[in-house]
Amino acid sequence: MSTAKFITFEGVDGAGKSTHLEWFAQSLRQKGIDLLVTREPGGTPLGERLREILLNQPMHAETEALLMFAARREHVEQVIRPALQRGTWVISDRFSDASFAYQGGGRGVSISKLEQLEQWVHGDLQPDLTLLFDIPIEVARQRLANNASLDRFEQEQGGFFEKVRQAYLARSQKMPSRFALIHAEQSRDEVQQNLQKIIASI
């Protein structure tokens, strides 16, 4: 593999993307690919501290967006870009598409403001592939129902997540060459069969 790839996993809370991310990463490692798994918000010591604030501290929607991109700037410069430059593939649990979905779709932050932040923070860096785990919101909510410790995003109501979901779908339709849509309401085996085809294609 001569060129390292940057792959992101996206989807609403409860879609199961984090579970499948580990399987996906392990499948690539078995093919001899050197890769790094990371997450957003987080991925750096500062990013993880900001994650704790973002997931637990109430704040204005635009403050939330600014902090997400501040954490992302550190993530790009300290982790993602150096890994790609040394030939290591990067798989990130969320990236900027999440800001367009959650802060844009869910919170109503201006898309033009988010686009400005995206250009400022990582305009020349975009994922090579984004796996969007799409799921009916009622199914996602059922999956989260047994979780006793929900963060402030997971505690949002179904209407919020429907806005997030539609924003994700709109973004995927805007950039179809980058996105692969995964129907996450399927069984684990069915989802992994779809992921196996994607692995074979890359």
N, C-alpha and C. Protein backbone atom coordinates (compact mmCIF):
# COMPACT_ATOMS: atom_id res chain seq x y z
N MET A 1 0.86 -1.18 0.00
CA MET A 1 0.00 0.00 0.00
C MET A 1 0.90 1.25 0.00
N SER A 2 0.92 1.96 -1.10
CA SER A 2 1.84 3.09 -1.23
C SER A 2 1.29 4.36 -0.63
N THR A 3 -0.05 4.51 -0.62
CA THR A 3 -0.65 5.74 -0.11
C THR A 3 -1.56 5.42 1.06
N ALA A 4 -1.29 6.05 2.20
CA ALA A 4 -2.12 5.84 3.38
C ALA A 4 -3.50 6.46 3.16
N LYS A 5 -4.52 5.81 3.70
CA LYS A 5 -5.88 6.29 3.54
C LYS A 5 -6.43 6.79 4.87
N PHE A 6 -7.29 7.80 4.76
CA PHE A 6 -7.97 8.39 5.91
C PHE A 6 -9.44 8.00 5.81
N ILE A 7 -9.90 7.17 6.75
CA ILE A 7 -11.26 6.63 6.72
C ILE A 7 -11.99 7.08 7.97
N THR A 8 -13.22 7.57 7.81
CA THR A 8 -14.00 8.02 8.96
C THR A 8 -15.30 7.23 9.07
N PHE A 9 -15.75 7.05 10.31
CA PHE A 9 -17.01 6.38 10.62
C PHE A 9 -17.95 7.42 11.19
N GLU A 10 -19.16 7.49 10.63
CA GLU A 10 -20.14 8.48 11.06
C GLU A 10 -21.51 7.83 11.27
N GLY A 11 -22.37 8.53 11.99
CA GLY A 11 -23.73 8.06 12.22
C GLY A 11 -24.27 8.57 13.54
N VAL A 12 -25.57 8.49 13.70
CA VAL A 12 -26.20 8.94 14.94
C VAL A 12 -25.84 8.01 16.07
N ASP A 13 -25.96 8.50 17.31
CA ASP A 13 -25.74 7.66 18.48
C ASP A 13 -26.70 6.48 18.44
N GLY A 14 -26.15 5.27 18.67
CA GLY A 14 -26.98 4.08 18.64
C GLY A 14 -26.94 3.33 17.33
N ALA A 15 -26.21 3.86 16.33
CA ALA A 15 -26.13 3.20 15.03
C ALA A 15 -25.18 2.00 15.03
N GLY A 16 -24.32 1.92 16.03
CA GLY A 16 -23.41 0.78 16.12
C GLY A 16 -22.08 0.94 15.42
N LYS A 17 -21.77 2.15 14.99
CA LYS A 17 -20.55 2.36 14.22
C LYS A 17 -19.29 2.03 15.01
N SER A 18 -19.26 2.34 16.29
CA SER A 18 -18.05 2.10 17.08
C SER A 18 -17.75 0.61 17.19
N THR A 19 -18.79 -0.21 17.34
CA THR A 19 -18.61 -1.66 17.38
C THR A 19 -18.02 -2.18 16.08
N HIS A 20 -18.57 -1.72 14.97
CA HIS A 20 -18.09 -2.19 13.67
C HIS A 20 -16.73 -1.61 13.32
N LEU A 21 -16.40 -0.45 13.87
CA LEU A 21 -15.10 0.15 13.60
C LEU A 21 -13.97 -0.77 14.05
N GLU A 22 -14.11 -1.36 15.22
CA GLU A 22 -13.06 -2.25 15.73
C GLU A 22 -12.89 -3.46 14.83
N TRP A 23 -13.99 -4.03 14.38
CA TRP A 23 -13.92 -5.18 13.47
C TRP A 23 -13.27 -4.79 12.15
N PHE A 24 -13.64 -3.64 11.64
CA PHE A 24 -13.11 -3.13 10.37
C PHE A 24 -11.60 -2.93 10.48
N ALA A 25 -11.17 -2.30 11.57
CA ALA A 25 -9.75 -2.05 11.78
C ALA A 25 -8.97 -3.36 11.88
N GLN A 26 -9.52 -4.32 12.61
CA GLN A 26 -8.83 -5.59 12.77
C GLN A 26 -8.73 -6.32 11.42
N SER A 27 -9.77 -6.21 10.60
CA SER A 27 -9.74 -6.84 9.28
C SER A 27 -8.64 -6.25 8.41
N LEU A 28 -8.45 -4.93 8.49
CA LEU A 28 -7.38 -4.29 7.72
C LEU A 28 -6.01 -4.70 8.25
N ARG A 29 -5.90 -4.78 9.58
CA ARG A 29 -4.61 -5.19 10.16
C ARG A 29 -4.23 -6.60 9.71
N GLN A 30 -5.23 -7.47 9.59
CA GLN A 30 -4.97 -8.84 9.15
C GLN A 30 -4.46 -8.88 7.71
N LYS A 31 -4.69 -7.81 6.97
CA LYS A 31 -4.18 -7.72 5.60
C LYS A 31 -2.82 -7.04 5.56
N GLY A 32 -2.24 -6.81 6.74
CA GLY A 32 -0.89 -6.24 6.81
C GLY A 32 -0.83 -4.74 6.73
N ILE A 33 -1.97 -4.08 6.94
CA ILE A 33 -1.99 -2.62 6.86
C ILE A 33 -1.69 -2.02 8.23
N ASP A 34 -0.74 -1.10 8.25
CA ASP A 34 -0.39 -0.36 9.47
C ASP A 34 -1.42 0.76 9.64
N LEU A 35 -2.16 0.74 10.73
CA LEU A 35 -3.20 1.77 10.89
C LEU A 35 -3.31 2.24 12.32
N LEU A 36 -3.90 3.41 12.45
CA LEU A 36 -4.14 4.06 13.73
C LEU A 36 -5.65 4.29 13.87
N VAL A 37 -6.20 3.92 15.01
CA VAL A 37 -7.61 4.18 15.31
C VAL A 37 -7.69 5.32 16.31
N THR A 38 -8.53 6.31 16.02
CA THR A 38 -8.66 7.47 16.89
C THR A 38 -10.13 7.90 16.93
N ARG A 39 -10.42 9.00 17.62
CA ARG A 39 -11.82 9.40 17.75
C ARG A 39 -11.96 10.90 17.91
N GLU A 40 -13.19 11.36 17.68
CA GLU A 40 -13.54 12.77 17.91
C GLU A 40 -14.88 12.85 18.64
N PRO A 41 -15.03 13.86 19.50
CA PRO A 41 -13.94 14.73 19.95
C PRO A 41 -12.95 13.93 20.77
N GLY A 42 -11.70 14.31 20.71
CA GLY A 42 -10.67 13.58 21.42
C GLY A 42 -9.45 13.36 20.55
N GLY A 43 -8.77 12.24 20.78
CA GLY A 43 -7.63 11.87 19.95
C GLY A 43 -6.29 12.44 20.39
N THR A 44 -6.31 13.48 21.20
CA THR A 44 -5.10 14.08 21.77
C THR A 44 -5.38 14.35 23.25
N PRO A 45 -4.34 14.59 24.07
CA PRO A 45 -4.61 14.92 25.47
C PRO A 45 -5.54 16.12 25.64
N LEU A 46 -5.31 17.18 24.86
CA LEU A 46 -6.20 18.34 24.93
C LEU A 46 -7.58 17.99 24.42
N GLY A 47 -7.63 17.25 23.32
CA GLY A 47 -8.91 16.85 22.75
C GLY A 47 -9.76 16.03 23.70
N GLU A 48 -9.11 15.16 24.47
CA GLU A 48 -9.85 14.34 25.43
C GLU A 48 -10.40 15.20 26.57
N ARG A 49 -9.66 16.22 26.96
CA ARG A 49 -10.17 17.13 28.00
C ARG A 49 -11.36 17.93 27.46
N LEU A 50 -11.26 18.37 26.21
CA LEU A 50 -12.38 19.07 25.60
C LEU A 50 -13.58 18.14 25.42
N ARG A 51 -13.31 16.86 25.15
CA ARG A 51 -14.39 15.89 25.01
C ARG A 51 -15.23 15.82 26.28
N GLU A 52 -14.55 15.77 27.43
CA GLU A 52 -15.27 15.71 28.70
C GLU A 52 -16.18 16.92 28.88
N ILE A 53 -15.69 18.09 28.49
CA ILE A 53 -16.50 19.31 28.58
C ILE A 53 -17.66 19.26 27.60
N LEU A 54 -17.37 18.89 26.36
CA LEU A 54 -18.40 18.87 25.31
C LEU A 54 -19.52 17.88 25.61
N LEU A 55 -19.18 16.72 26.17
CA LEU A 55 -20.19 15.69 26.40
C LEU A 55 -21.00 15.92 27.68
N ASN A 56 -20.51 16.80 28.55
CA ASN A 56 -21.16 16.92 29.85
C ASN A 56 -21.57 18.32 30.27
N GLN A 57 -21.00 19.36 29.65
CA GLN A 57 -21.25 20.73 30.08
C GLN A 57 -22.20 21.44 29.13
N PRO A 58 -23.36 21.90 29.59
CA PRO A 58 -24.26 22.67 28.71
C PRO A 58 -23.57 23.93 28.20
N MET A 59 -23.86 24.31 26.94
CA MET A 59 -23.22 25.48 26.35
C MET A 59 -24.01 25.94 25.13
N HIS A 60 -23.71 27.14 24.68
CA HIS A 60 -24.32 27.68 23.47
C HIS A 60 -23.92 26.81 22.27
N ALA A 61 -24.81 26.69 21.30
CA ALA A 61 -24.56 25.83 20.15
C ALA A 61 -23.30 26.24 19.38
N GLU A 62 -23.06 27.55 19.25
CA GLU A 62 -21.88 27.99 18.51
C GLU A 62 -20.60 27.76 19.32
N THR A 63 -20.69 27.86 20.65
CA THR A 63 -19.55 27.51 21.50
C THR A 63 -19.20 26.04 21.30
N GLU A 64 -20.23 25.21 21.25
CA GLU A 64 -20.05 23.78 21.02
C GLU A 64 -19.33 23.53 19.69
N ALA A 65 -19.77 24.22 18.65
CA ALA A 65 -19.14 24.05 17.34
C ALA A 65 -17.68 24.50 17.36
N LEU A 66 -17.42 25.63 17.99
CA LEU A 66 -16.04 26.15 18.06
C LEU A 66 -15.13 25.21 18.83
N LEU A 67 -15.61 24.65 19.93
CA LEU A 67 -14.80 23.72 20.71
C LEU A 67 -14.55 22.42 19.93
N MET A 68 -15.55 21.97 19.19
CA MET A 68 -15.37 20.77 18.36
C MET A 68 -14.24 20.99 17.36
N PHE A 69 -14.26 22.14 16.70
CA PHE A 69 -13.23 22.41 15.70
C PHE A 69 -11.88 22.72 16.34
N ALA A 70 -11.88 23.27 17.55
CA ALA A 70 -10.61 23.48 18.25
C ALA A 70 -9.95 22.14 18.57
N ALA A 71 -10.75 21.20 19.07
CA ALA A 71 -10.23 19.85 19.33
C ALA A 71 -9.77 19.20 18.04
N ARG A 72 -10.52 19.44 16.97
CA ARG A 72 -10.18 18.85 15.66
C ARG A 72 -8.86 19.39 15.12
N ARG A 73 -8.61 20.67 15.35
CA ARG A 73 -7.35 21.26 14.87
C ARG A 73 -6.16 20.55 15.50
N GLU A 74 -6.21 20.33 16.81
CA GLU A 74 -5.16 19.59 17.49
C GLU A 74 -5.05 18.17 16.94
N HIS A 75 -6.20 17.55 16.73
CA HIS A 75 -6.26 16.17 16.25
C HIS A 75 -5.58 16.04 14.88
N VAL A 76 -5.90 16.98 13.99
CA VAL A 76 -5.32 16.96 12.65
C VAL A 76 -3.82 17.15 12.70
N GLU A 77 -3.37 18.14 13.45
CA GLU A 77 -1.95 18.50 13.44
C GLU A 77 -1.09 17.54 14.27
N GLN A 78 -1.65 17.02 15.35
CA GLN A 78 -0.85 16.18 16.24
C GLN A 78 -0.93 14.69 15.91
N VAL A 79 -2.04 14.25 15.29
CA VAL A 79 -2.27 12.82 15.10
C VAL A 79 -2.49 12.43 13.64
N ILE A 80 -3.53 13.00 13.03
CA ILE A 80 -3.96 12.51 11.72
C ILE A 80 -2.94 12.79 10.63
N ARG A 81 -2.56 14.04 10.47
CA ARG A 81 -1.63 14.39 9.39
C ARG A 81 -0.26 13.70 9.55
N PRO A 82 0.35 13.68 10.75
CA PRO A 82 1.63 12.99 10.90
C PRO A 82 1.54 11.50 10.57
N ALA A 83 0.44 10.85 10.96
CA ALA A 83 0.28 9.43 10.66
C ALA A 83 0.21 9.19 9.16
N LEU A 84 -0.59 9.97 8.47
CA LEU A 84 -0.73 9.81 7.02
C LEU A 84 0.61 10.07 6.32
N GLN A 85 1.35 11.05 6.81
CA GLN A 85 2.63 11.39 6.18
C GLN A 85 3.66 10.28 6.33
N ARG A 86 3.55 9.49 7.40
CA ARG A 86 4.51 8.39 7.56
C ARG A 86 3.98 7.08 6.97
N GLY A 87 2.83 7.15 6.29
CA GLY A 87 2.30 5.97 5.61
C GLY A 87 1.36 5.12 6.42
N THR A 88 0.92 5.62 7.57
CA THR A 88 -0.02 4.90 8.43
C THR A 88 -1.45 5.29 8.10
N TRP A 89 -2.30 4.28 7.84
CA TRP A 89 -3.71 4.57 7.61
C TRP A 89 -4.33 5.08 8.91
N VAL A 90 -5.34 5.94 8.79
CA VAL A 90 -6.04 6.49 9.96
C VAL A 90 -7.53 6.19 9.84
N ILE A 91 -8.08 5.61 10.90
CA ILE A 91 -9.53 5.41 11.01
C ILE A 91 -10.01 6.23 12.19
N SER A 92 -10.91 7.16 11.94
CA SER A 92 -11.41 8.03 13.01
C SER A 92 -12.90 7.82 13.23
N ASP A 93 -13.25 7.62 14.49
CA ASP A 93 -14.65 7.56 14.91
C ASP A 93 -15.14 9.00 14.99
N ARG A 94 -15.72 9.47 13.90
CA ARG A 94 -16.22 10.83 13.66
C ARG A 94 -15.12 11.78 13.19
N PHE A 95 -15.56 12.75 12.37
CA PHE A 95 -14.71 13.85 11.91
C PHE A 95 -15.65 15.02 11.61
N SER A 96 -15.34 15.87 10.67
CA SER A 96 -16.12 17.10 10.47
C SER A 96 -17.56 16.86 10.02
N ASP A 97 -17.83 15.75 9.36
CA ASP A 97 -19.22 15.48 8.98
C ASP A 97 -20.11 15.47 10.22
N ALA A 98 -19.57 15.03 11.36
CA ALA A 98 -20.35 15.02 12.59
C ALA A 98 -20.74 16.43 13.02
N SER A 99 -19.86 17.40 12.78
CA SER A 99 -20.20 18.78 13.13
C SER A 99 -21.32 19.32 12.26
N PHE A 100 -21.28 18.98 10.96
CA PHE A 100 -22.35 19.41 10.07
C PHE A 100 -23.68 18.74 10.45
N ALA A 101 -23.61 17.51 10.96
CA ALA A 101 -24.82 16.79 11.34
C ALA A 101 -25.34 17.23 12.71
N TYR A 102 -24.46 17.23 13.71
CA TYR A 102 -24.90 17.52 15.09
C TYR A 102 -25.04 19.02 15.36
N GLN A 103 -23.99 19.78 15.09
CA GLN A 103 -24.08 21.22 15.36
C GLN A 103 -24.89 21.94 14.28
N GLY A 104 -24.77 21.50 13.03
CA GLY A 104 -25.53 22.10 11.94
C GLY A 104 -26.97 21.62 11.93
N GLY A 105 -27.17 20.33 11.66
CA GLY A 105 -28.53 19.79 11.59
C GLY A 105 -29.24 19.79 12.93
N GLY A 106 -28.57 19.27 13.97
CA GLY A 106 -29.22 19.13 15.27
C GLY A 106 -29.39 20.44 16.01
N ARG A 107 -28.34 21.26 16.06
CA ARG A 107 -28.38 22.50 16.85
C ARG A 107 -28.79 23.72 16.04
N GLY A 108 -28.68 23.63 14.71
CA GLY A 108 -29.08 24.77 13.89
C GLY A 108 -28.00 25.81 13.66
N VAL A 109 -26.74 25.46 13.91
CA VAL A 109 -25.65 26.38 13.62
C VAL A 109 -25.55 26.57 12.10
N SER A 110 -25.30 27.79 11.66
CA SER A 110 -25.22 28.11 10.25
C SER A 110 -24.22 27.22 9.51
N ILE A 111 -24.66 26.63 8.41
CA ILE A 111 -23.78 25.78 7.61
C ILE A 111 -22.61 26.59 7.06
N SER A 112 -22.85 27.84 6.72
CA SER A 112 -21.76 28.67 6.18
C SER A 112 -20.68 28.89 7.23
N LYS A 113 -21.08 29.03 8.49
CA LYS A 113 -20.08 29.17 9.56
C LYS A 113 -19.29 27.88 9.73
N LEU A 114 -19.97 26.75 9.66
CA LEU A 114 -19.28 25.46 9.77
C LEU A 114 -18.33 25.25 8.60
N GLU A 115 -18.74 25.67 7.42
CA GLU A 115 -17.87 25.55 6.24
C GLU A 115 -16.61 26.40 6.39
N GLN A 116 -16.77 27.58 6.99
CA GLN A 116 -15.61 28.43 7.23
C GLN A 116 -14.65 27.78 8.23
N LEU A 117 -15.20 27.19 9.28
CA LEU A 117 -14.37 26.50 10.25
C LEU A 117 -13.67 25.29 9.63
N GLU A 118 -14.41 24.55 8.82
CA GLU A 118 -13.83 23.38 8.15
C GLU A 118 -12.65 23.79 7.27
N GLN A 119 -12.83 24.87 6.49
CA GLN A 119 -11.77 25.34 5.61
C GLN A 119 -10.57 25.82 6.41
N TRP A 120 -10.82 26.50 7.49
CA TRP A 120 -9.76 27.04 8.34
C TRP A 120 -8.97 25.91 9.01
N VAL A 121 -9.68 24.93 9.55
CA VAL A 121 -9.05 23.90 10.37
C VAL A 121 -8.36 22.81 9.54
N HIS A 122 -8.98 22.41 8.43
CA HIS A 122 -8.36 21.30 7.66
C HIS A 122 -8.79 21.33 6.19
N GLY A 123 -8.80 22.50 5.60
CA GLY A 123 -9.32 22.64 4.24
C GLY A 123 -8.68 21.74 3.21
N ASP A 124 -7.39 21.42 3.37
CA ASP A 124 -6.71 20.58 2.38
C ASP A 124 -6.74 19.10 2.75
N LEU A 125 -7.39 18.76 3.84
CA LEU A 125 -7.45 17.37 4.29
C LEU A 125 -8.90 16.93 4.42
N GLN A 126 -9.27 15.93 3.64
CA GLN A 126 -10.60 15.34 3.73
C GLN A 126 -10.45 13.82 3.75
N PRO A 127 -11.41 13.12 4.35
CA PRO A 127 -11.33 11.66 4.34
C PRO A 127 -11.34 11.10 2.92
N ASP A 128 -10.64 10.00 2.73
CA ASP A 128 -10.72 9.28 1.45
C ASP A 128 -12.02 8.51 1.35
N LEU A 129 -12.53 8.08 2.51
CA LEU A 129 -13.76 7.29 2.56
C LEU A 129 -14.46 7.56 3.88
N THR A 130 -15.78 7.76 3.80
CA THR A 130 -16.58 7.93 5.02
C THR A 130 -17.69 6.89 5.01
N LEU A 131 -17.72 6.06 6.05
CA LEU A 131 -18.76 5.06 6.21
C LEU A 131 -19.86 5.66 7.07
N LEU A 132 -21.03 5.87 6.48
CA LEU A 132 -22.15 6.47 7.20
C LEU A 132 -23.12 5.37 7.61
N PHE A 133 -23.20 5.13 8.91
CA PHE A 133 -24.09 4.11 9.45
C PHE A 133 -25.46 4.76 9.66
N ASP A 134 -26.38 4.45 8.76
CA ASP A 134 -27.71 5.05 8.80
C ASP A 134 -28.68 4.06 9.43
N ILE A 135 -29.56 4.59 10.27
CA ILE A 135 -30.48 3.73 11.01
C ILE A 135 -31.74 4.52 11.35
N PRO A 136 -32.93 3.89 11.30
CA PRO A 136 -34.13 4.59 11.76
C PRO A 136 -33.94 5.03 13.21
N ILE A 137 -34.38 6.25 13.50
CA ILE A 137 -34.12 6.82 14.82
C ILE A 137 -34.75 6.00 15.94
N GLU A 138 -35.92 5.44 15.70
CA GLU A 138 -36.55 4.66 16.77
C GLU A 138 -35.72 3.42 17.13
N VAL A 139 -35.05 2.85 16.15
CA VAL A 139 -34.19 1.69 16.41
C VAL A 139 -32.95 2.13 17.19
N ALA A 140 -32.37 3.26 16.79
CA ALA A 140 -31.20 3.78 17.51
C ALA A 140 -31.55 4.08 18.96
N ARG A 141 -32.72 4.66 19.20
CA ARG A 141 -33.13 5.00 20.57
C ARG A 141 -33.32 3.74 21.40
N GLN A 142 -33.87 2.70 20.80
CA GLN A 142 -34.05 1.44 21.52
C GLN A 142 -32.71 0.86 21.94
N ARG A 143 -31.70 0.99 21.07
CA ARG A 143 -30.38 0.45 21.39
C ARG A 143 -29.74 1.20 22.55
N LEU A 144 -30.06 2.49 22.68
CA LEU A 144 -29.47 3.30 23.76
C LEU A 144 -30.26 3.18 25.07
N ALA A 145 -31.44 2.58 25.01
CA ALA A 145 -32.35 2.59 26.16
C ALA A 145 -31.76 1.89 27.38
N ASN A 146 -30.90 0.90 27.17
CA ASN A 146 -30.35 0.14 28.29
C ASN A 146 -29.05 0.72 28.84
N ASN A 147 -28.62 1.85 28.25
CA ASN A 147 -27.39 2.49 28.71
C ASN A 147 -27.70 3.40 29.89
N ALA A 148 -27.10 3.09 31.02
CA ALA A 148 -27.42 3.85 32.24
C ALA A 148 -26.71 5.20 32.31
N SER A 149 -25.65 5.38 31.54
CA SER A 149 -24.86 6.62 31.64
C SER A 149 -24.78 7.30 30.27
N LEU A 150 -25.81 8.03 29.93
CA LEU A 150 -25.87 8.72 28.65
C LEU A 150 -25.27 10.11 28.78
N ASP A 151 -24.46 10.52 27.77
CA ASP A 151 -23.93 11.88 27.78
C ASP A 151 -25.01 12.85 27.29
N ARG A 152 -24.71 14.13 27.25
CA ARG A 152 -25.77 15.11 26.97
C ARG A 152 -26.26 15.05 25.52
N PHE A 153 -25.47 14.51 24.62
CA PHE A 153 -25.94 14.30 23.25
C PHE A 153 -26.90 13.12 23.22
N GLU A 154 -26.50 12.02 23.84
CA GLU A 154 -27.33 10.82 23.85
C GLU A 154 -28.66 11.04 24.56
N GLN A 155 -28.72 12.04 25.44
CA GLN A 155 -29.95 12.33 26.17
C GLN A 155 -30.94 13.16 25.37
N GLU A 156 -30.53 13.63 24.20
CA GLU A 156 -31.44 14.43 23.37
C GLU A 156 -32.64 13.59 22.92
N GLN A 157 -33.70 14.28 22.52
CA GLN A 157 -34.92 13.61 22.10
C GLN A 157 -34.83 13.16 20.64
N GLY A 158 -35.79 12.32 20.25
CA GLY A 158 -35.78 11.76 18.91
C GLY A 158 -35.79 12.80 17.81
N GLY A 159 -36.48 13.93 18.03
CA GLY A 159 -36.54 14.97 17.01
C GLY A 159 -35.18 15.53 16.68
N PHE A 160 -34.35 15.67 17.70
CA PHE A 160 -32.97 16.14 17.49
C PHE A 160 -32.22 15.17 16.60
N PHE A 161 -32.33 13.88 16.90
CA PHE A 161 -31.58 12.87 16.15
C PHE A 161 -32.10 12.71 14.72
N GLU A 162 -33.37 12.97 14.52
CA GLU A 162 -33.88 12.92 13.15
C GLU A 162 -33.27 14.04 12.31
N LYS A 163 -33.11 15.21 12.92
CA LYS A 163 -32.44 16.32 12.22
C LYS A 163 -30.99 15.95 11.92
N VAL A 164 -30.33 15.33 12.89
CA VAL A 164 -28.93 14.90 12.70
C VAL A 164 -28.86 13.89 11.55
N ARG A 165 -29.76 12.93 11.57
CA ARG A 165 -29.77 11.90 10.54
C ARG A 165 -29.98 12.51 9.15
N GLN A 166 -30.93 13.41 9.02
CA GLN A 166 -31.20 14.02 7.72
C GLN A 166 -30.02 14.87 7.25
N ALA A 167 -29.33 15.51 8.18
CA ALA A 167 -28.15 16.30 7.81
C ALA A 167 -27.04 15.39 7.31
N TYR A 168 -26.88 14.24 7.96
CA TYR A 168 -25.89 13.26 7.48
C TYR A 168 -26.24 12.80 6.06
N LEU A 169 -27.50 12.45 5.83
CA LEU A 169 -27.91 11.95 4.52
C LEU A 169 -27.74 13.03 3.45
N ALA A 170 -28.05 14.28 3.80
CA ALA A 170 -27.87 15.37 2.85
C ALA A 170 -26.40 15.54 2.50
N ARG A 171 -25.55 15.42 3.49
CA ARG A 171 -24.10 15.55 3.26
C ARG A 171 -23.59 14.41 2.38
N SER A 172 -24.10 13.22 2.61
CA SER A 172 -23.67 12.07 1.80
C SER A 172 -24.13 12.22 0.35
N GLN A 173 -25.30 12.81 0.14
CA GLN A 173 -25.79 13.02 -1.22
C GLN A 173 -25.01 14.12 -1.92
N LYS A 174 -24.48 15.04 -1.13
CA LYS A 174 -23.68 16.14 -1.69
C LYS A 174 -22.31 15.65 -2.15
N MET A 175 -21.78 14.63 -1.48
CA MET A 175 -20.45 14.09 -1.79
C MET A 175 -20.50 12.57 -1.92
N PRO A 176 -21.25 12.06 -2.90
CA PRO A 176 -21.46 10.61 -2.99
C PRO A 176 -20.19 9.80 -3.26
N SER A 177 -19.18 10.41 -3.87
CA SER A 177 -17.96 9.66 -4.17
C SER A 177 -17.16 9.33 -2.91
N ARG A 178 -17.39 10.09 -1.84
CA ARG A 178 -16.65 9.86 -0.59
C ARG A 178 -17.41 8.98 0.39
N PHE A 179 -18.72 8.99 0.33
CA PHE A 179 -19.53 8.28 1.31
C PHE A 179 -19.94 6.89 0.85
N ALA A 180 -19.95 5.96 1.81
CA ALA A 180 -20.56 4.65 1.62
C ALA A 180 -21.65 4.51 2.67
N LEU A 181 -22.87 4.28 2.23
CA LEU A 181 -24.01 4.20 3.16
C LEU A 181 -24.17 2.77 3.66
N ILE A 182 -24.18 2.62 4.99
CA ILE A 182 -24.34 1.32 5.62
C ILE A 182 -25.70 1.29 6.31
N HIS A 183 -26.54 0.31 5.97
CA HIS A 183 -27.86 0.19 6.60
C HIS A 183 -27.67 -0.52 7.94
N ALA A 184 -27.56 0.27 8.99
CA ALA A 184 -27.11 -0.23 10.28
C ALA A 184 -28.18 -0.95 11.09
N GLU A 185 -29.44 -0.97 10.59
CA GLU A 185 -30.46 -1.72 11.32
C GLU A 185 -30.36 -3.22 11.04
N GLN A 186 -29.52 -3.60 10.09
CA GLN A 186 -29.33 -5.00 9.77
C GLN A 186 -28.58 -5.71 10.91
N SER A 187 -28.53 -7.04 10.83
CA SER A 187 -27.80 -7.80 11.84
C SER A 187 -26.30 -7.51 11.74
N ARG A 188 -25.58 -7.84 12.80
CA ARG A 188 -24.13 -7.61 12.79
C ARG A 188 -23.47 -8.34 11.63
N ASP A 189 -23.89 -9.58 11.38
CA ASP A 189 -23.29 -10.34 10.28
C ASP A 189 -23.55 -9.68 8.93
N GLU A 190 -24.76 -9.19 8.73
CA GLU A 190 -25.09 -8.54 7.45
C GLU A 190 -24.29 -7.26 7.26
N VAL A 191 -24.14 -6.48 8.33
CA VAL A 191 -23.35 -5.26 8.24
C VAL A 191 -21.90 -5.60 7.92
N GLN A 192 -21.36 -6.62 8.58
CA GLN A 192 -19.97 -6.99 8.36
C GLN A 192 -19.74 -7.55 6.96
N GLN A 193 -20.73 -8.19 6.40
CA GLN A 193 -20.63 -8.63 5.01
C GLN A 193 -20.51 -7.44 4.07
N ASN A 194 -21.27 -6.39 4.34
CA ASN A 194 -21.17 -5.17 3.55
C ASN A 194 -19.79 -4.51 3.72
N LEU A 195 -19.33 -4.49 4.97
CA LEU A 195 -18.02 -3.89 5.24
C LEU A 195 -16.90 -4.69 4.56
N GLN A 196 -17.07 -6.00 4.49
CA GLN A 196 -16.06 -6.84 3.84
C GLN A 196 -15.93 -6.46 2.37
N LYS A 197 -17.04 -6.16 1.73
CA LYS A 197 -17.01 -5.74 0.31
C LYS A 197 -16.28 -4.42 0.18
N ILE A 198 -16.48 -3.52 1.12
CA ILE A 198 -15.80 -2.23 1.09
C ILE A 198 -14.30 -2.42 1.28
N ILE A 199 -13.93 -3.30 2.22
CA ILE A 199 -12.51 -3.59 2.43
C ILE A 199 -11.87 -4.12 1.16
N ALA A 200 -12.58 -5.01 0.48
CA ALA A 200 -12.05 -5.58 -0.76
C ALA A 200 -11.87 -4.51 -1.83
N SER A 201 -12.73 -3.50 -1.80
CA SER A 201 -12.66 -2.47 -2.84
C SER A 201 -11.56 -1.45 -2.61
N ILE A 202 -11.06 -1.36 -1.38
CA ILE A 202 -10.03 -0.36 -1.08
C ILE A 202 -8.66 -0.99 -0.92
